[in-house]
All heavy atoms as atom14 arrays in JSON, in Angstrom:
{
  "sequence": "GLSSKPVLSVTTDSPSARTVTVRLSYLASGFDWRASYVATQA",
  "atom14_mask": [
    [1, 1, 1, 1, 0, 0, 0, 0, 0, 0, 0, 0, 0, 0],
    [1, 1, 1, 1, 1, 1, 1, 1, 0, 0, 0, 0, 0, 0],
    [1, 1, 1, 1, 1, 1, 0, 0, 0, 0, 0, 0, 0, 0],
    [1, 1, 1, 1, 1, 1, 0, 0, 0, 0, 0, 0, 0, 0],
    [1, 1, 1, 1, 1, 1, 1, 1, 1, 0, 0, 0, 0, 0],
    [1, 1, 1, 1, 1, 1, 1, 0, 0, 0, 0, 0, 0, 0],
    [1, 1, 1, 1, 1, 1, 1, 0, 0, 0, 0, 0, 0, 0],
    [1, 1, 1, 1, 1, 1, 1, 1, 0, 0, 0, 0, 0, 0],
    [1, 1, 1, 1, 1, 1, 0, 0, 0, 0, 0, 0, 0, 0],
    [1, 1, 1, 1, 1, 1, 1, 0, 0, 0, 0, 0, 0, 0],
    [1, 1, 1, 1, 1, 1, 1, 0, 0, 0, 0, 0, 0, 0],
    [1, 1, 1, 1, 1, 1, 1, 0, 0, 0, 0, 0, 0, 0],
    [1, 1, 1, 1, 1, 1, 1, 1, 0, 0, 0, 0, 0, 0],
    [1, 1, 1, 1, 1, 1, 0, 0, 0, 0, 0, 0, 0, 0],
    [1, 1, 1, 1, 1, 1, 1, 0, 0, 0, 0, 0, 0, 0],
    [1, 1, 1, 1, 1, 1, 0, 0, 0, 0, 0, 0, 0, 0],
    [1, 1, 1, 1, 1, 0, 0, 0, 0, 0, 0, 0, 0, 0],
    [1, 1, 1, 1, 1, 1, 1, 1, 1, 1, 1, 0, 0, 0],
    [1, 1, 1, 1, 1, 1, 1, 0, 0, 0, 0, 0, 0, 0],
    [1, 1, 1, 1, 1, 1, 1, 0, 0, 0, 0, 0, 0, 0],
    [1, 1, 1, 1, 1, 1, 1, 0, 0, 0, 0, 0, 0, 0],
    [1, 1, 1, 1, 1, 1, 1, 0, 0, 0, 0, 0, 0, 0],
    [1, 1, 1, 1, 1, 1, 1, 1, 1, 1, 1, 0, 0, 0],
    [1, 1, 1, 1, 1, 1, 1, 1, 0, 0, 0, 0, 0, 0],
    [1, 1, 1, 1, 1, 1, 0, 0, 0, 0, 0, 0, 0, 0],
    [1, 1, 1, 1, 1, 1, 1, 1, 1, 1, 1, 1, 0, 0],
    [1, 1, 1, 1, 1, 1, 1, 1, 0, 0, 0, 0, 0, 0],
    [1, 1, 1, 1, 1, 0, 0, 0, 0, 0, 0, 0, 0, 0],
    [1, 1, 1, 1, 1, 1, 0, 0, 0, 0, 0, 0, 0, 0],
    [1, 1, 1, 1, 0, 0, 0, 0, 0, 0, 0, 0, 0, 0],
    [1, 1, 1, 1, 1, 1, 1, 1, 1, 1, 1, 0, 0, 0],
    [1, 1, 1, 1, 1, 1, 1, 1, 0, 0, 0, 0, 0, 0],
    [1, 1, 1, 1, 1, 1, 1, 1, 1, 1, 1, 1, 1, 1],
    [1, 1, 1, 1, 1, 1, 1, 1, 1, 1, 1, 0, 0, 0],
    [1, 1, 1, 1, 1, 0, 0, 0, 0, 0, 0, 0, 0, 0],
    [1, 1, 1, 1, 1, 1, 0, 0, 0, 0, 0, 0, 0, 0],
    [1, 1, 1, 1, 1, 1, 1, 1, 1, 1, 1, 1, 0, 0],
    [1, 1, 1, 1, 1, 1, 1, 0, 0, 0, 0, 0, 0, 0],
    [1, 1, 1, 1, 1, 0, 0, 0, 0, 0, 0, 0, 0, 0],
    [1, 1, 1, 1, 1, 1, 1, 0, 0, 0, 0, 0, 0, 0],
    [1, 1, 1, 1, 1, 1, 1, 1, 1, 0, 0, 0, 0, 0],
    [1, 1, 1, 1, 1, 0, 0, 0, 0, 0, 0, 0, 0, 0]
  ],
  "atom14_positions": [
    [[11.25, -19.44, 2.74], [9.86, -19.31, 2.31], [8.96, -18.62, 3.3], [7.83, -18.29, 2.98], [0.0, 0.0, 0.0], [0.0, 0.0, 0.0], [0.0, 0.0, 0.0], [0.0, 0.0, 0.0], [0.0, 0.0, 0.0], [0.0, 0.0, 0.0], [0.0, 0.0, 0.0], [0.0, 0.0, 0.0], [0.0, 0.0, 0.0], [0.0, 0.0, 0.0]],
    [[9.47, -18.38, 4.53], [8.68, -17.67, 5.53], [9.1, -16.22, 5.58], [10.27, -15.88, 5.45], [8.86, -18.3, 6.91], [8.28, -19.69, 7.13], [8.49, -20.13, 8.56], [6.8, -19.72, 6.79], [0.0, 0.0, 0.0], [0.0, 0.0, 0.0], [0.0, 0.0, 0.0], [0.0, 0.0, 0.0], [0.0, 0.0, 0.0], [0.0, 0.0, 0.0]],
    [[8.14, -15.36, 5.79], [8.41, -13.93, 5.87], [7.69, -13.35, 7.07], [6.58, -13.76, 7.41], [7.94, -13.22, 4.59], [8.05, -11.82, 4.73], [0.0, 0.0, 0.0], [0.0, 0.0, 0.0], [0.0, 0.0, 0.0], [0.0, 0.0, 0.0], [0.0, 0.0, 0.0], [0.0, 0.0, 0.0], [0.0, 0.0, 0.0], [0.0, 0.0, 0.0]],
    [[8.33, -12.38, 7.72], [7.7, -11.72, 8.85], [6.74, -10.63, 8.39], [6.06, -10.02, 9.21], [8.76, -11.1, 9.77], [9.54, -10.15, 9.06], [0.0, 0.0, 0.0], [0.0, 0.0, 0.0], [0.0, 0.0, 0.0], [0.0, 0.0, 0.0], [0.0, 0.0, 0.0], [0.0, 0.0, 0.0], [0.0, 0.0, 0.0], [0.0, 0.0, 0.0]],
    [[6.67, -10.4, 7.09], [5.78, -9.38, 6.54], [4.96, -10.0, 5.41], [5.45, -10.88, 4.7], [6.58, -8.2, 5.98], [7.56, -7.57, 6.95], [8.4, -6.53, 6.23], [9.46, -5.93, 7.14], [10.32, -4.95, 6.42], [0.0, 0.0, 0.0], [0.0, 0.0, 0.0], [0.0, 0.0, 0.0], [0.0, 0.0, 0.0], [0.0, 0.0, 0.0]],
    [[3.71, -9.52, 5.2], [2.96, -9.97, 4.03], [3.72, -9.63, 2.75], [4.38, -8.6, 2.66], [1.65, -9.19, 4.13], [1.54, -8.79, 5.56], [2.94, -8.6, 6.04], [0.0, 0.0, 0.0], [0.0, 0.0, 0.0], [0.0, 0.0, 0.0], [0.0, 0.0, 0.0], [0.0, 0.0, 0.0], [0.0, 0.0, 0.0], [0.0, 0.0, 0.0]],
    [[3.62, -10.51, 1.75], [4.41, -10.36, 0.53], [3.51, -10.48, -0.69], [2.67, -11.37, -0.77], [5.52, -11.43, 0.46], [6.26, -11.36, -0.88], [6.51, -11.25, 1.61], [0.0, 0.0, 0.0], [0.0, 0.0, 0.0], [0.0, 0.0, 0.0], [0.0, 0.0, 0.0], [0.0, 0.0, 0.0], [0.0, 0.0, 0.0], [0.0, 0.0, 0.0]],
    [[3.7, -9.57, -1.64], [3.13, -9.72, -2.98], [4.31, -9.92, -3.92], [5.21, -9.09, -3.98], [2.33, -8.48, -3.39], [1.78, -8.52, -4.82], [0.61, -9.49, -4.9], [1.35, -7.13, -5.28], [0.0, 0.0, 0.0], [0.0, 0.0, 0.0], [0.0, 0.0, 0.0], [0.0, 0.0, 0.0], [0.0, 0.0, 0.0], [0.0, 0.0, 0.0]],
    [[4.34, -11.04, -4.63], [5.45, -11.32, -5.53], [4.97, -11.29, -6.97], [3.86, -11.73, -7.27], [6.08, -12.68, -5.2], [5.14, -13.72, -5.38], [0.0, 0.0, 0.0], [0.0, 0.0, 0.0], [0.0, 0.0, 0.0], [0.0, 0.0, 0.0], [0.0, 0.0, 0.0], [0.0, 0.0, 0.0], [0.0, 0.0, 0.0], [0.0, 0.0, 0.0]],
    [[5.81, -10.77, -7.85], [5.51, -10.73, -9.27], [6.72, -11.24, -10.03], [7.87, -11.12, -9.58], [5.15, -9.29, -9.74], [3.97, -8.76, -9.0], [6.34, -8.35, -9.59], [0.0, 0.0, 0.0], [0.0, 0.0, 0.0], [0.0, 0.0, 0.0], [0.0, 0.0, 0.0], [0.0, 0.0, 0.0], [0.0, 0.0, 0.0], [0.0, 0.0, 0.0]],
    [[6.46, -11.82, -11.18], [7.53, -12.28, -12.06], [7.62, -11.33, -13.24], [6.6, -10.99, -13.86], [7.26, -13.72, -12.54], [7.1, -14.57, -11.41], [8.39, -14.22, -13.4], [0.0, 0.0, 0.0], [0.0, 0.0, 0.0], [0.0, 0.0, 0.0], [0.0, 0.0, 0.0], [0.0, 0.0, 0.0], [0.0, 0.0, 0.0], [0.0, 0.0, 0.0]],
    [[8.83, -10.9, -13.53], [9.04, -9.96, -14.63], [10.27, -10.41, -15.43], [11.05, -11.26, -14.98], [9.23, -8.53, -14.1], [9.32, -7.62, -15.2], [10.48, -8.42, -13.24], [0.0, 0.0, 0.0], [0.0, 0.0, 0.0], [0.0, 0.0, 0.0], [0.0, 0.0, 0.0], [0.0, 0.0, 0.0], [0.0, 0.0, 0.0], [0.0, 0.0, 0.0]],
    [[10.43, -9.86, -16.6], [11.56, -10.2, -17.48], [12.13, -8.89, -18.01], [11.58, -8.27, -18.92], [11.09, -11.09, -18.62], [12.25, -11.78, -19.33], [13.39, -11.28, -19.18], [12.03, -12.79, -20.01], [0.0, 0.0, 0.0], [0.0, 0.0, 0.0], [0.0, 0.0, 0.0], [0.0, 0.0, 0.0], [0.0, 0.0, 0.0], [0.0, 0.0, 0.0]],
    [[13.25, -8.47, -17.42], [13.85, -7.17, -17.79], [14.84, -7.34, -18.92], [15.68, -8.26, -18.89], [14.54, -6.56, -16.56], [15.15, -5.33, -16.89], [0.0, 0.0, 0.0], [0.0, 0.0, 0.0], [0.0, 0.0, 0.0], [0.0, 0.0, 0.0], [0.0, 0.0, 0.0], [0.0, 0.0, 0.0], [0.0, 0.0, 0.0], [0.0, 0.0, 0.0]],
    [[14.8, -6.48, -19.93], [15.74, -6.6, -21.05], [17.18, -6.26, -20.67], [18.11, -6.63, -21.37], [15.19, -5.59, -22.07], [14.4, -4.61, -21.26], [13.83, -5.38, -20.12], [0.0, 0.0, 0.0], [0.0, 0.0, 0.0], [0.0, 0.0, 0.0], [0.0, 0.0, 0.0], [0.0, 0.0, 0.0], [0.0, 0.0, 0.0], [0.0, 0.0, 0.0]],
    [[17.36, -5.56, -19.52], [18.72, -5.22, -19.08], [18.7, -5.0, -17.57], [17.65, -4.79, -16.98], [19.23, -3.96, -19.79], [18.4, -2.85, -19.48], [0.0, 0.0, 0.0], [0.0, 0.0, 0.0], [0.0, 0.0, 0.0], [0.0, 0.0, 0.0], [0.0, 0.0, 0.0], [0.0, 0.0, 0.0], [0.0, 0.0, 0.0], [0.0, 0.0, 0.0]],
    [[19.88, -5.05, -16.98], [19.99, -4.78, -15.54], [19.88, -3.27, -15.33], [20.57, -2.5, -15.99], [21.31, -5.31, -15.01], [0.0, 0.0, 0.0], [0.0, 0.0, 0.0], [0.0, 0.0, 0.0], [0.0, 0.0, 0.0], [0.0, 0.0, 0.0], [0.0, 0.0, 0.0], [0.0, 0.0, 0.0], [0.0, 0.0, 0.0], [0.0, 0.0, 0.0]],
    [[19.04, -2.87, -14.43], [18.83, -1.44, -14.18], [18.11, -1.23, -12.85], [17.49, -2.13, -12.32], [18.02, -0.82, -15.31], [16.6, -1.35, -15.42], [15.83, -0.7, -16.56], [16.26, -1.2, -17.86], [15.72, -0.82, -19.02], [14.74, 0.07, -19.02], [16.14, -1.34, -20.15], [0.0, 0.0, 0.0], [0.0, 0.0, 0.0], [0.0, 0.0, 0.0]],
    [[18.21, 0.0, -12.34], [17.45, 0.43, -11.17], [16.24, 1.2, -11.65], [16.37, 2.16, -12.43], [18.3, 1.31, -10.24], [19.43, 0.55, -9.78], [17.49, 1.77, -9.04], [0.0, 0.0, 0.0], [0.0, 0.0, 0.0], [0.0, 0.0, 0.0], [0.0, 0.0, 0.0], [0.0, 0.0, 0.0], [0.0, 0.0, 0.0], [0.0, 0.0, 0.0]],
    [[15.06, 0.78, -11.2], [13.82, 1.4, -11.68], [12.98, 1.84, -10.49], [13.11, 1.34, -9.37], [13.01, 0.42, -12.56], [13.78, 0.05, -13.8], [12.63, -0.82, -11.77], [0.0, 0.0, 0.0], [0.0, 0.0, 0.0], [0.0, 0.0, 0.0], [0.0, 0.0, 0.0], [0.0, 0.0, 0.0], [0.0, 0.0, 0.0], [0.0, 0.0, 0.0]],
    [[12.13, 2.81, -10.74], [11.14, 3.25, -9.76], [9.8, 2.62, -10.12], [9.3, 2.82, -11.23], [11.01, 4.79, -9.75], [12.27, 5.36, -9.38], [9.95, 5.23, -8.75], [0.0, 0.0, 0.0], [0.0, 0.0, 0.0], [0.0, 0.0, 0.0], [0.0, 0.0, 0.0], [0.0, 0.0, 0.0], [0.0, 0.0, 0.0], [0.0, 0.0, 0.0]],
    [[9.29, 1.84, -9.2], [8.07, 1.07, -9.44], [6.94, 1.66, -8.6], [7.14, 2.0, -7.42], [8.28, -0.41, -9.08], [7.0, -1.2, -9.27], [9.39, -1.0, -9.93], [0.0, 0.0, 0.0], [0.0, 0.0, 0.0], [0.0, 0.0, 0.0], [0.0, 0.0, 0.0], [0.0, 0.0, 0.0], [0.0, 0.0, 0.0], [0.0, 0.0, 0.0]],
    [[5.78, 1.74, -9.2], [4.59, 2.22, -8.49], [3.62, 1.05, -8.38], [3.15, 0.51, -9.38], [3.95, 3.38, -9.25], [2.73, 3.96, -8.56], [2.3, 5.23, -9.26], [1.01, 5.7, -8.79], [0.47, 6.85, -9.14], [1.11, 7.64, -9.97], [-0.71, 7.2, -8.68], [0.0, 0.0, 0.0], [0.0, 0.0, 0.0], [0.0, 0.0, 0.0]],
    [[3.32, 0.68, -7.13], [2.42, -0.43, -6.83], [1.14, 0.12, -6.22], [1.19, 0.81, -5.2], [3.1, -1.42, -5.87], [2.21, -2.5, -5.25], [1.68, -3.44, -6.32], [2.99, -3.27, -4.19], [0.0, 0.0, 0.0], [0.0, 0.0, 0.0], [0.0, 0.0, 0.0], [0.0, 0.0, 0.0], [0.0, 0.0, 0.0], [0.0, 0.0, 0.0]],
    [[0.01, -0.17, -6.84], [-1.29, 0.27, -6.33], [-2.19, -0.94, -6.14], [-2.21, -1.84, -6.99], [-1.95, 1.26, -7.31], [-1.14, 2.4, -7.5], [0.0, 0.0, 0.0], [0.0, 0.0, 0.0], [0.0, 0.0, 0.0], [0.0, 0.0, 0.0], [0.0, 0.0, 0.0], [0.0, 0.0, 0.0], [0.0, 0.0, 0.0], [0.0, 0.0, 0.0]],
    [[-2.94, -0.97, -5.03], [-3.83, -2.1, -4.77], [-4.91, -1.68, -3.78], [-4.76, -0.69, -3.05], [-3.05, -3.3, -4.23], [-2.26, -3.03, -2.97], [-2.84, -3.18, -1.7], [-0.93, -2.63, -3.02], [-2.11, -2.94, -0.55], [-0.2, -2.38, -1.88], [-0.79, -2.54, -0.65], [-0.08, -2.3, 0.5], [0.0, 0.0, 0.0], [0.0, 0.0, 0.0]],
    [[-6.0, -2.43, -3.78], [-7.05, -2.25, -2.79], [-6.75, -3.16, -1.6], [-6.24, -4.27, -1.76], [-8.42, -2.61, -3.37], [-8.92, -1.74, -4.52], [-10.27, -2.27, -5.02], [-9.07, -0.29, -4.09], [0.0, 0.0, 0.0], [0.0, 0.0, 0.0], [0.0, 0.0, 0.0], [0.0, 0.0, 0.0], [0.0, 0.0, 0.0], [0.0, 0.0, 0.0]],
    [[-7.1, -2.68, -0.4], [-6.88, -3.47, 0.81], [-8.03, -3.23, 1.77], [-8.48, -2.09, 1.95], [-5.56, -3.1, 1.47], [0.0, 0.0, 0.0], [0.0, 0.0, 0.0], [0.0, 0.0, 0.0], [0.0, 0.0, 0.0], [0.0, 0.0, 0.0], [0.0, 0.0, 0.0], [0.0, 0.0, 0.0], [0.0, 0.0, 0.0], [0.0, 0.0, 0.0]],
    [[-8.5, -4.31, 2.38], [-9.54, -4.21, 3.39], [-8.9, -3.88, 4.73], [-7.67, -3.81, 4.87], [-10.31, -5.53, 3.48], [-9.42, -6.58, 3.84], [0.0, 0.0, 0.0], [0.0, 0.0, 0.0], [0.0, 0.0, 0.0], [0.0, 0.0, 0.0], [0.0, 0.0, 0.0], [0.0, 0.0, 0.0], [0.0, 0.0, 0.0], [0.0, 0.0, 0.0]],
    [[-9.75, -3.66, 5.75], [-9.25, -3.4, 7.09], [-8.98, -1.94, 7.39], [-8.18, -1.62, 8.28], [0.0, 0.0, 0.0], [0.0, 0.0, 0.0], [0.0, 0.0, 0.0], [0.0, 0.0, 0.0], [0.0, 0.0, 0.0], [0.0, 0.0, 0.0], [0.0, 0.0, 0.0], [0.0, 0.0, 0.0], [0.0, 0.0, 0.0], [0.0, 0.0, 0.0]],
    [[-9.64, -1.03, 6.67], [-9.52, 0.4, 6.94], [-10.93, 0.98, 7.15], [-11.93, 0.39, 6.76], [-8.86, 1.14, 5.77], [-7.41, 0.79, 5.55], [-7.06, -0.27, 4.74], [-6.42, 1.53, 6.16], [-5.73, -0.6, 4.53], [-5.08, 1.21, 5.96], [-4.73, 0.15, 5.14], [0.0, 0.0, 0.0], [0.0, 0.0, 0.0], [0.0, 0.0, 0.0]],
    [[-10.98, 2.15, 7.75], [-12.26, 2.86, 7.89], [-11.96, 4.27, 8.37], [-10.84, 4.57, 8.83], [-13.17, 2.14, 8.9], [-14.65, 2.38, 8.6], [-14.96, 3.28, 7.78], [-15.5, 1.69, 9.18], [0.0, 0.0, 0.0], [0.0, 0.0, 0.0], [0.0, 0.0, 0.0], [0.0, 0.0, 0.0], [0.0, 0.0, 0.0], [0.0, 0.0, 0.0]],
    [[-12.97, 5.12, 8.27], [-12.8, 6.47, 8.81], [-14.16, 7.05, 9.19], [-15.19, 6.6, 8.7], [-12.07, 7.39, 7.82], [-12.85, 7.84, 6.62], [-13.0, 7.17, 5.45], [-13.6, 9.06, 6.48], [-13.78, 7.89, 4.57], [-14.16, 9.06, 5.18], [-13.82, 10.16, 7.3], [-14.94, 10.11, 4.69], [-14.61, 11.2, 6.82], [-15.14, 11.18, 5.52]],
    [[-14.13, 8.01, 10.1], [-15.32, 8.72, 10.55], [-14.99, 10.2, 10.77], [-13.83, 10.56, 10.98], [-15.85, 8.16, 11.88], [-16.39, 6.76, 11.82], [-17.73, 6.66, 11.08], [-18.27, 5.33, 11.26], [-17.9, 4.26, 10.57], [-16.96, 4.39, 9.64], [-18.44, 3.08, 10.78], [0.0, 0.0, 0.0], [0.0, 0.0, 0.0], [0.0, 0.0, 0.0]],
    [[-16.03, 11.0, 10.71], [-15.89, 12.41, 11.06], [-16.47, 12.63, 12.45], [-17.46, 11.99, 12.84], [-16.61, 13.29, 10.04], [0.0, 0.0, 0.0], [0.0, 0.0, 0.0], [0.0, 0.0, 0.0], [0.0, 0.0, 0.0], [0.0, 0.0, 0.0], [0.0, 0.0, 0.0], [0.0, 0.0, 0.0], [0.0, 0.0, 0.0], [0.0, 0.0, 0.0]],
    [[-15.85, 13.5, 13.22], [-16.34, 13.87, 14.55], [-16.33, 15.38, 14.64], [-15.28, 16.01, 14.4], [-15.46, 13.27, 15.65], [-15.37, 11.86, 15.52], [0.0, 0.0, 0.0], [0.0, 0.0, 0.0], [0.0, 0.0, 0.0], [0.0, 0.0, 0.0], [0.0, 0.0, 0.0], [0.0, 0.0, 0.0], [0.0, 0.0, 0.0], [0.0, 0.0, 0.0]],
    [[-17.47, 15.96, 14.99], [-17.6, 17.4, 15.03], [-17.72, 17.88, 16.48], [-18.47, 17.31, 17.28], [-18.83, 17.86, 14.25], [-18.8, 17.46, 12.79], [-19.42, 16.3, 12.35], [-18.15, 18.24, 11.85], [-19.38, 15.91, 11.02], [-18.1, 17.88, 10.51], [-18.72, 16.72, 10.1], [-18.69, 16.34, 8.78], [0.0, 0.0, 0.0], [0.0, 0.0, 0.0]],
    [[-16.97, 18.93, 16.8], [-17.02, 19.54, 18.12], [-17.44, 20.99, 17.92], [-16.74, 21.77, 17.25], [-15.66, 19.47, 18.82], [-15.73, 20.14, 20.19], [-15.21, 18.02, 18.96], [0.0, 0.0, 0.0], [0.0, 0.0, 0.0], [0.0, 0.0, 0.0], [0.0, 0.0, 0.0], [0.0, 0.0, 0.0], [0.0, 0.0, 0.0], [0.0, 0.0, 0.0]],
    [[-18.6, 21.35, 18.48], [-19.13, 22.71, 18.35], [-19.12, 23.38, 19.72], [-19.45, 22.75, 20.72], [-20.54, 22.69, 17.79], [0.0, 0.0, 0.0], [0.0, 0.0, 0.0], [0.0, 0.0, 0.0], [0.0, 0.0, 0.0], [0.0, 0.0, 0.0], [0.0, 0.0, 0.0], [0.0, 0.0, 0.0], [0.0, 0.0, 0.0], [0.0, 0.0, 0.0]],
    [[-18.74, 24.65, 19.76], [-18.73, 25.42, 21.0], [-19.6, 26.64, 20.83], [-19.32, 27.5, 19.98], [-17.29, 25.84, 21.38], [-16.46, 24.67, 21.46], [-17.28, 26.55, 22.71], [0.0, 0.0, 0.0], [0.0, 0.0, 0.0], [0.0, 0.0, 0.0], [0.0, 0.0, 0.0], [0.0, 0.0, 0.0], [0.0, 0.0, 0.0], [0.0, 0.0, 0.0]],
    [[-20.66, 26.68, 21.61], [-21.62, 27.79, 21.53], [-21.03, 29.02, 22.22], [-20.51, 28.94, 23.33], [-22.92, 27.39, 22.2], [-24.0, 28.46, 22.18], [-25.27, 27.96, 22.86], [-25.77, 26.89, 22.54], [-25.76, 28.73, 23.81], [0.0, 0.0, 0.0], [0.0, 0.0, 0.0], [0.0, 0.0, 0.0], [0.0, 0.0, 0.0], [0.0, 0.0, 0.0]],
    [[-21.11, 30.16, 21.52], [-20.58, 31.4, 22.08], [-21.46, 31.9, 23.23], [-22.61, 31.48, 23.39], [-20.47, 32.46, 20.98], [0.0, 0.0, 0.0], [0.0, 0.0, 0.0], [0.0, 0.0, 0.0], [0.0, 0.0, 0.0], [0.0, 0.0, 0.0], [0.0, 0.0, 0.0], [0.0, 0.0, 0.0], [0.0, 0.0, 0.0], [0.0, 0.0, 0.0]]
  ]
}
């Protein structure tokens, strides 16, 4: 029950055994960005 990584678990019911490509999208806090400008006068 312990994991070294954060886990999102979902329950699904597949009609057959298969390998699928899954796309997971979510919002997450803890990010940010800024712009920094460097100008050089001739």
